[in-house]
Amino acid sequence: MKLQQFIRNIEAKYFKSDLQNICVGDTIKVGVLIQEGDKQRVQPYEGTVIAQHKAGTNTTITVRRIFQGIGVERIFAIHSPCIQNIQILRSAKVRKSKLYYLRNRIGKGTRLKNKITNI
């Protein structure tokens, strides 16, 4: 028990509390900090969240986008110091927790229905 409490105390300082609620099916824009030599820059990566793994500070999201006709997926640890910001652009209505079926679809078949929100 003391070891688990010790680990939680260490992880608490790396935990980002200002994150929005990211769901599967959201189209997001992630700002990733890239280090090239002695220079740093923020590289945007925009795509659809097709999977989410929730595990405290080890929480990850899988983001898929189409680049030059080829599907590209990246896995981001959302509490990593390399992630500068995450912006939700659009939310979609989905009925599955993993959208791996989008890998086999092309063109208009990859579209998701927008979630209707009452504001």
PDB file of N, CA and C in Angstrom:
ATOM      1  N   MET A   1       0.818  -1.196   0.000  1.00  0.00           N
ATOM      2  CA  MET A   1       0.000   0.000   0.000  1.00  0.00           C
ATOM      3  C   MET A   1       0.863   1.263   0.000  1.00  0.00           C
ATOM      4  N   LYS A   2       1.930   1.258   0.765  1.00  0.00           N
ATOM      5  CA  LYS A   2       2.783   2.437   0.822  1.00  0.00           C
ATOM      6  C   LYS A   2       3.445   2.691  -0.529  1.00  0.00           C
ATOM      7  N   LEU A   3       3.788   1.631  -1.255  1.00  0.00           N
ATOM      8  CA  LEU A   3       4.413   1.780  -2.560  1.00  0.00           C
ATOM      9  C   LEU A   3       3.451   2.409  -3.559  1.00  0.00           C
ATOM     10  N   GLN A   4       2.185   1.989  -3.546  1.00  0.00           N
ATOM     11  CA  GLN A   4       1.192   2.569  -4.454  1.00  0.00           C
ATOM     12  C   GLN A   4       0.967   4.050  -4.147  1.00  0.00           C
ATOM     13  N   GLN A   5       0.915   4.396  -2.895  1.00  0.00           N
ATOM     14  CA  GLN A   5       0.748   5.797  -2.507  1.00  0.00           C
ATOM     15  C   GLN A   5       1.958   6.625  -2.929  1.00  0.00           C
ATOM     16  N   PHE A   6       3.141   6.054  -2.792  1.00  0.00           N
ATOM     17  CA  PHE A   6       4.365   6.724  -3.210  1.00  0.00           C
ATOM     18  C   PHE A   6       4.355   6.980  -4.720  1.00  0.00           C
ATOM     19  N   ILE A   7       3.918   6.001  -5.492  1.00  0.00           N
ATOM     20  CA  ILE A   7       3.843   6.149  -6.957  1.00  0.00           C
ATOM     21  C   ILE A   7       2.814   7.212  -7.327  1.00  0.00           C
ATOM     22  N   ARG A   8       1.662   7.219  -6.662  1.00  0.00           N
ATOM     23  CA  ARG A   8       0.640   8.236  -6.940  1.00  0.00           C
ATOM     24  C   ARG A   8       1.147   9.643  -6.644  1.00  0.00           C
ATOM     25  N   ASN A   9       1.915   9.804  -5.594  1.00  0.00           N
ATOM     26  CA  ASN A   9       2.468  11.120  -5.254  1.00  0.00           C
ATOM     27  C   ASN A   9       3.445  11.607  -6.322  1.00  0.00           C
ATOM     28  N   ILE A  10       4.240  10.697  -6.870  1.00  0.00           N
ATOM     29  CA  ILE A  10       5.182  11.064  -7.923  1.00  0.00           C
ATOM     30  C   ILE A  10       4.433  11.421  -9.202  1.00  0.00           C
ATOM     31  N   GLU A  11       3.409  10.630  -9.558  1.00  0.00           N
ATOM     32  CA  GLU A  11       2.648  10.872 -10.780  1.00  0.00           C
ATOM     33  C   GLU A  11       1.812  12.146 -10.696  1.00  0.00           C
ATOM     34  N   ALA A  12       1.443  12.583  -9.514  1.00  0.00           N
ATOM     35  CA  ALA A  12       0.550  13.733  -9.345  1.00  0.00           C
ATOM     36  C   ALA A  12       1.139  15.016  -9.921  1.00  0.00           C
ATOM     37  N   LYS A  13       2.440  15.191  -9.853  1.00  0.00           N
ATOM     38  CA  LYS A  13       3.022  16.431 -10.372  1.00  0.00           C
ATOM     39  C   LYS A  13       3.086  16.452 -11.900  1.00  0.00           C
ATOM     40  N   TYR A  14       2.966  15.299 -12.566  1.00  0.00           N
ATOM     41  CA  TYR A  14       2.970  15.245 -14.023  1.00  0.00           C
ATOM     42  C   TYR A  14       1.564  15.211 -14.609  1.00  0.00           C
ATOM     43  N   PHE A  15       0.556  15.083 -13.788  1.00  0.00           N
ATOM     44  CA  PHE A  15      -0.831  14.961 -14.237  1.00  0.00           C
ATOM     45  C   PHE A  15      -1.349  16.320 -14.698  1.00  0.00           C
ATOM     46  N   LYS A  16      -1.871  16.392 -15.933  1.00  0.00           N
ATOM     47  CA  LYS A  16      -2.440  17.637 -16.472  1.00  0.00           C
ATOM     48  C   LYS A  16      -3.915  17.699 -16.100  1.00  0.00           C
ATOM     49  N   SER A  17      -4.279  18.741 -15.391  1.00  0.00           N
ATOM     50  CA  SER A  17      -5.670  18.853 -14.939  1.00  0.00           C
ATOM     51  C   SER A  17      -6.513  19.746 -15.846  1.00  0.00           C
ATOM     52  N   ASP A  18      -5.898  20.459 -16.779  1.00  0.00           N
ATOM     53  CA  ASP A  18      -6.624  21.409 -17.618  1.00  0.00           C
ATOM     54  C   ASP A  18      -7.077  20.812 -18.950  1.00  0.00           C
ATOM     55  N   LEU A  19      -7.088  19.504 -19.087  1.00  0.00           N
ATOM     56  CA  LEU A  19      -7.495  18.868 -20.344  1.00  0.00           C
ATOM     57  C   LEU A  19      -9.009  18.822 -20.474  1.00  0.00           C
ATOM     58  N   GLN A  20      -9.481  18.937 -21.712  1.00  0.00           N
ATOM     59  CA  GLN A  20     -10.900  18.781 -21.988  1.00  0.00           C
ATOM     60  C   GLN A  20     -11.234  17.293 -21.998  1.00  0.00           C
ATOM     61  N   ASN A  21     -12.517  16.986 -21.973  1.00  0.00           N
ATOM     62  CA  ASN A  21     -12.958  15.606 -21.999  1.00  0.00           C
ATOM     63  C   ASN A  21     -12.887  15.088 -23.436  1.00  0.00           C
ATOM     64  N   ILE A  22     -11.884  14.286 -23.749  1.00  0.00           N
ATOM     65  CA  ILE A  22     -11.681  13.748 -25.087  1.00  0.00           C
ATOM     66  C   ILE A  22     -12.406  12.417 -25.189  1.00  0.00           C
ATOM     67  N   CYS A  23     -13.196  12.257 -26.256  1.00  0.00           N
ATOM     68  CA  CYS A  23     -13.957  11.028 -26.480  1.00  0.00           C
ATOM     69  C   CYS A  23     -13.566  10.428 -27.814  1.00  0.00           C
ATOM     70  N   VAL A  24     -13.845   9.140 -27.968  1.00  0.00           N
ATOM     71  CA  VAL A  24     -13.628   8.465 -29.238  1.00  0.00           C
ATOM     72  C   VAL A  24     -14.596   9.054 -30.256  1.00  0.00           C
ATOM     73  N   GLY A  25     -14.100   9.362 -31.444  1.00  0.00           N
ATOM     74  CA  GLY A  25     -14.905   9.973 -32.488  1.00  0.00           C
ATOM     75  C   GLY A  25     -14.678  11.467 -32.619  1.00  0.00           C
ATOM     76  N   ASP A  26     -13.985  12.069 -31.676  1.00  0.00           N
ATOM     77  CA  ASP A  26     -13.694  13.501 -31.757  1.00  0.00           C
ATOM     78  C   ASP A  26     -12.606  13.764 -32.792  1.00  0.00           C
ATOM     79  N   THR A  27     -12.726  14.869 -33.494  1.00  0.00           N
ATOM     80  CA  THR A  27     -11.655  15.350 -34.357  1.00  0.00           C
ATOM     81  C   THR A  27     -10.889  16.384 -33.550  1.00  0.00           C
ATOM     82  N   ILE A  28      -9.600  16.127 -33.365  1.00  0.00           N
ATOM     83  CA  ILE A  28      -8.807  16.972 -32.486  1.00  0.00           C
ATOM     84  C   ILE A  28      -7.569  17.487 -33.210  1.00  0.00           C
ATOM     85  N   LYS A  29      -7.002  18.538 -32.653  1.00  0.00           N
ATOM     86  CA  LYS A  29      -5.732  19.087 -33.124  1.00  0.00           C
ATOM     87  C   LYS A  29      -4.782  19.051 -31.937  1.00  0.00           C
ATOM     88  N   VAL A  30      -3.675  18.326 -32.107  1.00  0.00           N
ATOM     89  CA  VAL A  30      -2.694  18.151 -31.043  1.00  0.00           C
ATOM     90  C   VAL A  30      -1.452  18.954 -31.399  1.00  0.00           C
ATOM     91  N   GLY A  31      -0.988  19.761 -30.478  1.00  0.00           N
ATOM     92  CA  GLY A  31       0.267  20.490 -30.662  1.00  0.00           C
ATOM     93  C   GLY A  31       1.385  19.719 -29.990  1.00  0.00           C
ATOM     94  N   VAL A  32       2.307  19.178 -30.802  1.00  0.00           N
ATOM     95  CA  VAL A  32       3.389  18.339 -30.297  1.00  0.00           C
ATOM     96  C   VAL A  32       4.691  19.129 -30.354  1.00  0.00           C
ATOM     97  N   LEU A  33       5.431  19.133 -29.249  1.00  0.00           N
ATOM     98  CA  LEU A  33       6.706  19.826 -29.178  1.00  0.00           C
ATOM     99  C   LEU A  33       7.787  18.959 -29.828  1.00  0.00           C
ATOM    100  N   ILE A  34       8.422  19.495 -30.883  1.00  0.00           N
ATOM    101  CA  ILE A  34       9.461  18.777 -31.614  1.00  0.00           C
ATOM    102  C   ILE A  34      10.786  19.487 -31.376  1.00  0.00           C
ATOM    103  N   GLN A  35      11.818  18.714 -31.054  1.00  0.00           N
ATOM    104  CA  GLN A  35      13.147  19.271 -30.824  1.00  0.00           C
ATOM    105  C   GLN A  35      14.041  18.866 -31.989  1.00  0.00           C
ATOM    106  N   GLU A  36      14.570  19.867 -32.690  1.00  0.00           N
ATOM    107  CA  GLU A  36      15.484  19.635 -33.805  1.00  0.00           C
ATOM    108  C   GLU A  36      16.794  20.347 -33.498  1.00  0.00           C
ATOM    109  N   GLY A  37      17.772  19.600 -33.069  1.00  0.00           N
ATOM    110  CA  GLY A  37      19.037  20.207 -32.665  1.00  0.00           C
ATOM    111  C   GLY A  37      18.841  21.039 -31.414  1.00  0.00           C
ATOM    112  N   ASP A  38      19.146  22.329 -31.499  1.00  0.00           N
ATOM    113  CA  ASP A  38      18.952  23.207 -30.353  1.00  0.00           C
ATOM    114  C   ASP A  38      17.687  24.045 -30.478  1.00  0.00           C
ATOM    115  N   LYS A  39      16.879  23.802 -31.519  1.00  0.00           N
ATOM    116  CA  LYS A  39      15.637  24.541 -31.724  1.00  0.00           C
ATOM    117  C   LYS A  39      14.440  23.688 -31.333  1.00  0.00           C
ATOM    118  N   GLN A  40      13.391  24.364 -30.887  1.00  0.00           N
ATOM    119  CA  GLN A  40      12.134  23.699 -30.566  1.00  0.00           C
ATOM    120  C   GLN A  40      11.013  24.350 -31.357  1.00  0.00           C
ATOM    121  N   ARG A  41      10.052  23.529 -31.775  1.00  0.00           N
ATOM    122  CA  ARG A  41       8.872  24.054 -32.459  1.00  0.00           C
ATOM    123  C   ARG A  41       7.686  23.177 -32.128  1.00  0.00           C
ATOM    124  N   VAL A  42       6.492  23.738 -32.334  1.00  0.00           N
ATOM    125  CA  VAL A  42       5.259  22.994 -32.079  1.00  0.00           C
ATOM    126  C   VAL A  42       4.694  22.552 -33.417  1.00  0.00           C
ATOM    127  N   GLN A  43       4.538  21.250 -33.577  1.00  0.00           N
ATOM    128  CA  GLN A  43       4.009  20.686 -34.818  1.00  0.00           C
ATOM    129  C   GLN A  43       2.559  20.263 -34.588  1.00  0.00           C
ATOM    130  N   PRO A  44       1.620  20.808 -35.368  1.00  0.00           N
ATOM    131  CA  PRO A  44       0.215  20.399 -35.207  1.00  0.00           C
ATOM    132  C   PRO A  44      -0.049  19.060 -35.887  1.00  0.00           C
ATOM    133  N   TYR A  45      -0.907  18.275 -35.279  1.00  0.00           N
ATOM    134  CA  TYR A  45      -1.332  16.990 -35.840  1.00  0.00           C
ATOM    135  C   TYR A  45      -2.843  16.913 -35.650  1.00  0.00           C
ATOM    136  N   GLU A  46      -3.569  16.852 -36.749  1.00  0.00           N
ATOM    137  CA  GLU A  46      -5.026  16.874 -36.700  1.00  0.00           C
ATOM    138  C   GLU A  46      -5.578  15.558 -37.230  1.00  0.00           C
ATOM    139  N   GLY A  47      -6.533  14.979 -36.505  1.00  0.00           N
ATOM    140  CA  GLY A  47      -7.142  13.731 -36.945  1.00  0.00           C
ATOM    141  C   GLY A  47      -8.279  13.322 -36.031  1.00  0.00           C
ATOM    142  N   THR A  48      -8.785  12.118 -36.278  1.00  0.00           N
ATOM    143  CA  THR A  48      -9.909  11.570 -35.531  1.00  0.00           C
ATOM    144  C   THR A  48      -9.412  10.593 -34.476  1.00  0.00           C
ATOM    145  N   VAL A  49      -9.939  10.699 -33.267  1.00  0.00           N
ATOM    146  CA  VAL A  49      -9.584   9.774 -32.190  1.00  0.00           C
ATOM    147  C   VAL A  49     -10.311   8.463 -32.459  1.00  0.00           C
ATOM    148  N   ILE A  50      -9.533   7.375 -32.685  1.00  0.00           N
ATOM    149  CA  ILE A  50     -10.167   6.083 -32.962  1.00  0.00           C
ATOM    150  C   ILE A  50     -10.072   5.137 -31.775  1.00  0.00           C
ATOM    151  N   ALA A  51      -9.233   5.446 -30.787  1.00  0.00           N
ATOM    152  CA  ALA A  51      -9.118   4.590 -29.609  1.00  0.00           C
ATOM    153  C   ALA A  51      -8.599   5.414 -28.441  1.00  0.00           C
ATOM    154  N   GLN A  52      -8.939   4.950 -27.244  1.00  0.00           N
ATOM    155  CA  GLN A  52      -8.492   5.622 -26.031  1.00  0.00           C
ATOM    156  C   GLN A  52      -8.176   4.561 -24.992  1.00  0.00           C
ATOM    157  N   HIS A  53      -7.051   4.736 -24.317  1.00  0.00           N
ATOM    158  CA  HIS A  53      -6.641   3.829 -23.254  1.00  0.00           C
ATOM    159  C   HIS A  53      -6.482   4.659 -21.996  1.00  0.00           C
ATOM    160  N   LYS A  54      -7.358   4.446 -21.018  1.00  0.00           N
ATOM    161  CA  LYS A  54      -7.335   5.246 -19.799  1.00  0.00           C
ATOM    162  C   LYS A  54      -6.575   4.503 -18.706  1.00  0.00           C
ATOM    163  N   ALA A  55      -5.487   5.136 -18.244  1.00  0.00           N
ATOM    164  CA  ALA A  55      -4.669   4.526 -17.196  1.00  0.00           C
ATOM    165  C   ALA A  55      -3.944   5.593 -16.396  1.00  0.00           C
ATOM    166  N   GLY A  56      -4.687   6.546 -15.856  1.00  0.00           N
ATOM    167  CA  GLY A  56      -4.073   7.589 -15.038  1.00  0.00           C
ATOM    168  C   GLY A  56      -3.156   8.478 -15.848  1.00  0.00           C
ATOM    169  N   THR A  57      -1.899   8.594 -15.425  1.00  0.00           N
ATOM    170  CA  THR A  57      -0.957   9.422 -16.175  1.00  0.00           C
ATOM    171  C   THR A  57      -0.474   8.733 -17.436  1.00  0.00           C
ATOM    172  N   ASN A  58      -0.739   7.460 -17.594  1.00  0.00           N
ATOM    173  CA  ASN A  58      -0.362   6.721 -18.795  1.00  0.00           C
ATOM    174  C   ASN A  58      -1.489   6.675 -19.821  1.00  0.00           C
ATOM    175  N   THR A  59      -2.463   7.563 -19.718  1.00  0.00           N
ATOM    176  CA  THR A  59      -3.586   7.602 -20.643  1.00  0.00           C
ATOM    177  C   THR A  59      -3.098   7.965 -22.038  1.00  0.00           C
ATOM    178  N   THR A  60      -3.539   7.188 -23.033  1.00  0.00           N
ATOM    179  CA  THR A  60      -3.136   7.439 -24.408  1.00  0.00           C
ATOM    180  C   THR A  60      -4.361   7.530 -25.310  1.00  0.00           C
ATOM    181  N   ILE A  61      -4.185   8.237 -26.428  1.00  0.00           N
ATOM    182  CA  ILE A  61      -5.212   8.289 -27.463  1.00  0.00           C
ATOM    183  C   ILE A  61      -4.543   7.945 -28.789  1.00  0.00           C
ATOM    184  N   THR A  62      -5.274   7.255 -29.647  1.00  0.00           N
ATOM    185  CA  THR A  62      -4.807   6.936 -30.992  1.00  0.00           C
ATOM    186  C   THR A  62      -5.537   7.845 -31.955  1.00  0.00           C
ATOM    187  N   VAL A  63      -4.780   8.617 -32.720  1.00  0.00           N
ATOM    188  CA  VAL A  63      -5.342   9.601 -33.642  1.00  0.00           C
ATOM    189  C   VAL A  63      -5.016   9.162 -35.068  1.00  0.00           C
ATOM    190  N   ARG A  64      -6.039   9.149 -35.923  1.00  0.00           N
ATOM    191  CA  ARG A  64      -5.884   8.722 -37.315  1.00  0.00           C
ATOM    192  C   ARG A  64      -6.196   9.878 -38.244  1.00  0.00           C
ATOM    193  N   ARG A  65      -5.376  10.028 -39.260  1.00  0.00           N
ATOM    194  CA  ARG A  65      -5.608  11.023 -40.289  1.00  0.00           C
ATOM    195  C   ARG A  65      -5.202  10.445 -41.636  1.00  0.00           C
ATOM    196  N   ILE A  66      -5.687  11.055 -42.704  1.00  0.00           N
ATOM    197  CA  ILE A  66      -5.317  10.644 -44.046  1.00  0.00           C
ATOM    198  C   ILE A  66      -4.308  11.663 -44.572  1.00  0.00           C
ATOM    199  N   PHE A  67      -3.121  11.192 -44.946  1.00  0.00           N
ATOM    200  CA  PHE A  67      -2.073  12.060 -45.467  1.00  0.00           C
ATOM    201  C   PHE A  67      -1.634  11.527 -46.816  1.00  0.00           C
ATOM    202  N   GLN A  68      -1.884  12.297 -47.864  1.00  0.00           N
ATOM    203  CA  GLN A  68      -1.564  11.947 -49.244  1.00  0.00           C
ATOM    204  C   GLN A  68      -2.155  10.595 -49.629  1.00  0.00           C
ATOM    205  N   GLY A  69      -3.403  10.371 -49.218  1.00  0.00           N
ATOM    206  CA  GLY A  69      -4.119   9.153 -49.583  1.00  0.00           C
ATOM    207  C   GLY A  69      -3.778   7.932 -48.759  1.00  0.00           C
ATOM    208  N   ILE A  70      -2.927   8.076 -47.748  1.00  0.00           N
ATOM    209  CA  ILE A  70      -2.518   6.957 -46.906  1.00  0.00           C
ATOM    210  C   ILE A  70      -2.931   7.254 -45.476  1.00  0.00           C
ATOM    211  N   GLY A  71      -3.520   6.280 -44.789  1.00  0.00           N
ATOM    212  CA  GLY A  71      -3.913   6.451 -43.398  1.00  0.00           C
ATOM    213  C   GLY A  71      -2.707   6.400 -42.480  1.00  0.00           C
ATOM    214  N   VAL A  72      -2.593   7.404 -41.617  1.00  0.00           N
ATOM    215  CA  VAL A  72      -1.483   7.494 -40.671  1.00  0.00           C
ATOM    216  C   VAL A  72      -2.064   7.571 -39.271  1.00  0.00           C
ATOM    217  N   GLU A  73      -1.563   6.740 -38.367  1.00  0.00           N
ATOM    218  CA  GLU A  73      -2.027   6.737 -36.978  1.00  0.00           C
ATOM    219  C   GLU A  73      -0.863   7.034 -36.056  1.00  0.00           C
ATOM    220  N   ARG A  74      -1.127   7.842 -35.044  1.00  0.00           N
ATOM    221  CA  ARG A  74      -0.145   8.127 -34.006  1.00  0.00           C
ATOM    222  C   ARG A  74      -0.789   7.936 -32.647  1.00  0.00           C
ATOM    223  N   ILE A  75      -0.006   7.464 -31.724  1.00  0.00           N
ATOM    224  CA  ILE A  75      -0.467   7.275 -30.350  1.00  0.00           C
ATOM    225  C   ILE A  75       0.185   8.359 -29.499  1.00  0.00           C
ATOM    226  N   PHE A  76      -0.638   9.112 -28.781  1.00  0.00           N
ATOM    227  CA  PHE A  76      -0.161  10.198 -27.936  1.00  0.00           C
ATOM    228  C   PHE A  76      -0.452   9.885 -26.482  1.00  0.00           C
ATOM    229  N   ALA A  77       0.546  10.063 -25.620  1.00  0.00           N
ATOM    230  CA  ALA A  77       0.337  10.031 -24.174  1.00  0.00           C
ATOM    231  C   ALA A  77      -0.079  11.448 -23.781  1.00  0.00           C
ATOM    232  N   ILE A  78      -1.331  11.636 -23.379  1.00  0.00           N
ATOM    233  CA  ILE A  78      -1.858  12.991 -23.236  1.00  0.00           C
ATOM    234  C   ILE A  78      -1.254  13.750 -22.057  1.00  0.00           C
ATOM    235  N   HIS A  79      -0.639  13.070 -21.103  1.00  0.00           N
ATOM    236  CA  HIS A  79      -0.014  13.753 -19.972  1.00  0.00           C
ATOM    237  C   HIS A  79       1.486  13.945 -20.178  1.00  0.00           C
ATOM    238  N   SER A  80       1.974  13.661 -21.378  1.00  0.00           N
ATOM    239  CA  SER A  80       3.386  13.835 -21.692  1.00  0.00           C
ATOM    240  C   SER A  80       3.746  15.317 -21.747  1.00  0.00           C
ATOM    241  N   PRO A  81       4.951  15.683 -21.314  1.00  0.00           N
ATOM    242  CA  PRO A  81       5.363  17.084 -21.424  1.00  0.00           C
ATOM    243  C   PRO A  81       5.573  17.528 -22.874  1.00  0.00           C
ATOM    244  N   CYS A  82       5.665  16.601 -23.813  1.00  0.00           N
ATOM    245  CA  CYS A  82       5.823  16.951 -25.232  1.00  0.00           C
ATOM    246  C   CYS A  82       4.514  17.438 -25.844  1.00  0.00           C
ATOM    247  N   ILE A  83       3.387  17.160 -25.226  1.00  0.00           N
ATOM    248  CA  ILE A  83       2.090  17.605 -25.729  1.00  0.00           C
ATOM    249  C   ILE A  83       1.831  19.007 -25.180  1.00  0.00           C
ATOM    250  N   GLN A  84       1.798  19.988 -26.078  1.00  0.00           N
ATOM    251  CA  GLN A  84       1.589  21.371 -25.663  1.00  0.00           C
ATOM    252  C   GLN A  84       0.116  21.678 -25.432  1.00  0.00           C
ATOM    253  N   ASN A  85      -0.728  21.293 -26.390  1.00  0.00           N
ATOM    254  CA  ASN A  85      -2.159  21.561 -26.243  1.00  0.00           C
ATOM    255  C   ASN A  85      -2.954  20.553 -27.064  1.00  0.00           C
ATOM    256  N   ILE A  86      -4.184  20.342 -26.650  1.00  0.00           N
ATOM    257  CA  ILE A  86      -5.130  19.497 -27.368  1.00  0.00           C
ATOM    258  C   ILE A  86      -6.403  20.300 -27.524  1.00  0.00           C
ATOM    259  N   GLN A  87      -6.826  20.474 -28.766  1.00  0.00           N
ATOM    260  CA  GLN A  87      -8.012  21.272 -29.069  1.00  0.00           C
ATOM    261  C   GLN A  87      -9.032  20.381 -29.770  1.00  0.00           C
ATOM    262  N   ILE A  88     -10.244  20.321 -29.241  1.00  0.00           N
ATOM    263  CA  ILE A  88     -11.312  19.531 -29.860  1.00  0.00           C
ATOM    264  C   ILE A  88     -11.997  20.404 -30.907  1.00  0.00           C
ATOM    265  N   LEU A  89     -11.960  19.950 -32.155  1.00  0.00           N
ATOM    266  CA  LEU A  89     -12.555  20.695 -33.253  1.00  0.00           C
ATOM    267  C   LEU A  89     -14.002  20.291 -33.514  1.00  0.00           C
ATOM    268  N   ARG A  90     -14.282  18.985 -33.409  1.00  0.00           N
ATOM    269  CA  ARG A  90     -15.611  18.474 -33.743  1.00  0.00           C
ATOM    270  C   ARG A  90     -15.839  17.171 -32.969  1.00  0.00           C
ATOM    271  N   SER A  91     -17.064  16.929 -32.559  1.00  0.00           N
ATOM    272  CA  SER A  91     -17.415  15.686 -31.876  1.00  0.00           C
ATOM    273  C   SER A  91     -18.376  14.897 -32.743  1.00  0.00           C
ATOM    274  N   ALA A  92     -18.229  13.592 -32.733  1.00  0.00           N
ATOM    275  CA  ALA A  92     -19.079  12.734 -33.550  1.00  0.00           C
ATOM    276  C   ALA A  92     -19.831  11.758 -32.664  1.00  0.00           C
ATOM    277  N   LYS A  93     -20.992  11.343 -33.156  1.00  0.00           N
ATOM    278  CA  LYS A  93     -21.815  10.366 -32.458  1.00  0.00           C
ATOM    279  C   LYS A  93     -21.357   8.977 -32.883  1.00  0.00           C
ATOM    280  N   VAL A  94     -20.810   8.217 -31.946  1.00  0.00           N
ATOM    281  CA  VAL A  94     -20.331   6.868 -32.241  1.00  0.00           C
ATOM    282  C   VAL A  94     -20.927   5.898 -31.235  1.00  0.00           C
ATOM    283  N   ARG A  95     -20.992   4.627 -31.636  1.00  0.00           N
ATOM    284  CA  ARG A  95     -21.568   3.603 -30.777  1.00  0.00           C
ATOM    285  C   ARG A  95     -20.551   2.558 -30.360  1.00  0.00           C
ATOM    286  N   LYS A  96     -19.317   2.745 -30.721  1.00  0.00           N
ATOM    287  CA  LYS A  96     -18.263   1.802 -30.371  1.00  0.00           C
ATOM    288  C   LYS A  96     -17.156   2.530 -29.622  1.00  0.00           C
ATOM    289  N   SER A  97     -16.412   1.793 -28.824  1.00  0.00           N
ATOM    290  CA  SER A  97     -15.315   2.405 -28.078  1.00  0.00           C
ATOM    291  C   SER A  97     -14.012   2.381 -28.869  1.00  0.00           C
ATOM    292  N   LYS A  98     -13.908   1.557 -29.883  1.00  0.00           N
ATOM    293  CA  LYS A  98     -12.741   1.513 -30.760  1.00  0.00           C
ATOM    294  C   LYS A  98     -13.229   1.590 -32.201  1.00  0.00           C
ATOM    295  N   LEU A  99     -12.717   2.535 -32.957  1.00  0.00           N
ATOM    296  CA  LEU A  99     -13.169   2.751 -34.329  1.00  0.00           C
ATOM    297  C   LEU A  99     -12.172   2.175 -35.331  1.00  0.00           C
ATOM    298  N   TYR A 100     -11.713   0.952 -35.078  1.00  0.00           N
ATOM    299  CA  TYR A 100     -10.734   0.327 -35.959  1.00  0.00           C
ATOM    300  C   TYR A 100     -11.314   0.002 -37.333  1.00  0.00           C
ATOM    301  N   TYR A 101     -12.632  -0.035 -37.453  1.00  0.00           N
ATOM    302  CA  TYR A 101     -13.245  -0.332 -38.746  1.00  0.00           C
ATOM    303  C   TYR A 101     -12.983   0.778 -39.758  1.00  0.00           C
ATOM    304  N   LEU A 102     -12.596   1.972 -39.299  1.00  0.00           N
ATOM    305  CA  LEU A 102     -12.283   3.065 -40.223  1.00  0.00           C
ATOM    306  C   LEU A 102     -11.030   2.783 -41.041  1.00  0.00           C
ATOM    307  N   ARG A 103     -10.203   1.848 -40.594  1.00  0.00           N
ATOM    308  CA  ARG A 103      -8.991   1.505 -41.331  1.00  0.00           C
ATOM    309  C   ARG A 103      -9.315   0.875 -42.683  1.00  0.00           C
ATOM    310  N   ASN A 104     -10.435   0.181 -42.777  1.00  0.00           N
ATOM    311  CA  ASN A 104     -10.805  -0.511 -44.007  1.00  0.00           C
ATOM    312  C   ASN A 104     -11.658   0.339 -44.937  1.00  0.00           C
ATOM    313  N   ARG A 105     -11.966   1.556 -44.566  1.00  0.00           N
ATOM    314  CA  ARG A 105     -12.836   2.412 -45.365  1.00  0.00           C
ATOM    315  C   ARG A 105     -12.048   3.546 -45.992  1.00  0.00           C
ATOM    316  N   ILE A 106     -12.547   4.000 -47.135  1.00  0.00           N
ATOM    317  CA  ILE A 106     -11.891   5.101 -47.834  1.00  0.00           C
ATOM    318  C   ILE A 106     -12.942   6.119 -48.251  1.00  0.00           C
ATOM    319  N   GLY A 107     -12.506   7.343 -48.477  1.00  0.00           N
ATOM    320  CA  GLY A 107     -13.378   8.388 -48.993  1.00  0.00           C
ATOM    321  C   GLY A 107     -14.513   8.743 -48.061  1.00  0.00           C
ATOM    322  N   LYS A 108     -15.729   8.800 -48.619  1.00  0.00           N
ATOM    323  CA  LYS A 108     -16.894   9.210 -47.837  1.00  0.00           C
ATOM    324  C   LYS A 108     -17.292   8.174 -46.791  1.00  0.00           C
ATOM    325  N   GLY A 109     -16.811   6.954 -46.919  1.00  0.00           N
ATOM    326  CA  GLY A 109     -17.126   5.911 -45.943  1.00  0.00           C
ATOM    327  C   GLY A 109     -16.518   6.157 -44.586  1.00  0.00           C
ATOM    328  N   THR A 110     -15.567   7.083 -44.499  1.00  0.00           N
ATOM    329  CA  THR A 110     -14.920   7.363 -43.215  1.00  0.00           C
ATOM    330  C   THR A 110     -15.584   8.497 -42.458  1.00  0.00           C
ATOM    331  N   ARG A 111     -16.652   9.071 -43.021  1.00  0.00           N
ATOM    332  CA  ARG A 111     -17.315  10.188 -42.342  1.00  0.00           C
ATOM    333  C   ARG A 111     -18.114   9.690 -41.133  1.00  0.00           C
ATOM    334  N   LEU A 112     -18.131  10.487 -40.100  1.00  0.00           N
ATOM    335  CA  LEU A 112     -18.890  10.193 -38.885  1.00  0.00           C
ATOM    336  C   LEU A 112     -19.955  11.268 -38.708  1.00  0.00           C
ATOM    337  N   LYS A 113     -21.104  10.895 -38.126  1.00  0.00           N
ATOM    338  CA  LYS A 113     -22.178  11.872 -37.905  1.00  0.00           C
ATOM    339  C   LYS A 113     -21.805  12.780 -36.741  1.00  0.00           C
ATOM    340  N   ASN A 114     -22.072  14.070 -36.927  1.00  0.00           N
ATOM    341  CA  ASN A 114     -21.773  15.045 -35.871  1.00  0.00           C
ATOM    342  C   ASN A 114     -22.709  14.853 -34.685  1.00  0.00           C
ATOM    343  N   LYS A 115     -22.172  15.087 -33.512  1.00  0.00           N
ATOM    344  CA  LYS A 115     -22.937  15.001 -32.276  1.00  0.00           C
ATOM    345  C   LYS A 115     -23.711  16.303 -32.109  1.00  0.00           C
ATOM    346  N   ILE A 116     -24.994  16.207 -31.833  1.00  0.00           N
ATOM    347  CA  ILE A 116     -25.813  17.396 -31.628  1.00  0.00           C
ATOM    348  C   ILE A 116     -25.749  17.757 -30.155  1.00  0.00           C
ATOM    349  N   THR A 117     -25.314  18.990 -29.882  1.00  0.00           N
ATOM    350  CA  THR A 117     -25.221  19.449 -28.499  1.00  0.00           C
ATOM    351  C   THR A 117     -26.162  20.604 -28.292  1.00  0.00           C
ATOM    352  N   ASN A 118     -26.835  20.608 -27.183  1.00  0.00           N
ATOM    353  CA  ASN A 118     -27.738  21.707 -26.820  1.00  0.00           C
ATOM    354  C   ASN A 118     -26.980  22.697 -25.955  1.00  0.00           C
ATOM    355  N   ILE A 119     -26.801  23.892 -26.476  1.00  0.00           N
ATOM    356  CA  ILE A 119     -26.050  24.910 -25.731  1.00  0.00           C
ATOM    357  C   ILE A 119     -27.000  25.975 -25.231  1.00  0.00           C
TER     358      ILE A 119
END
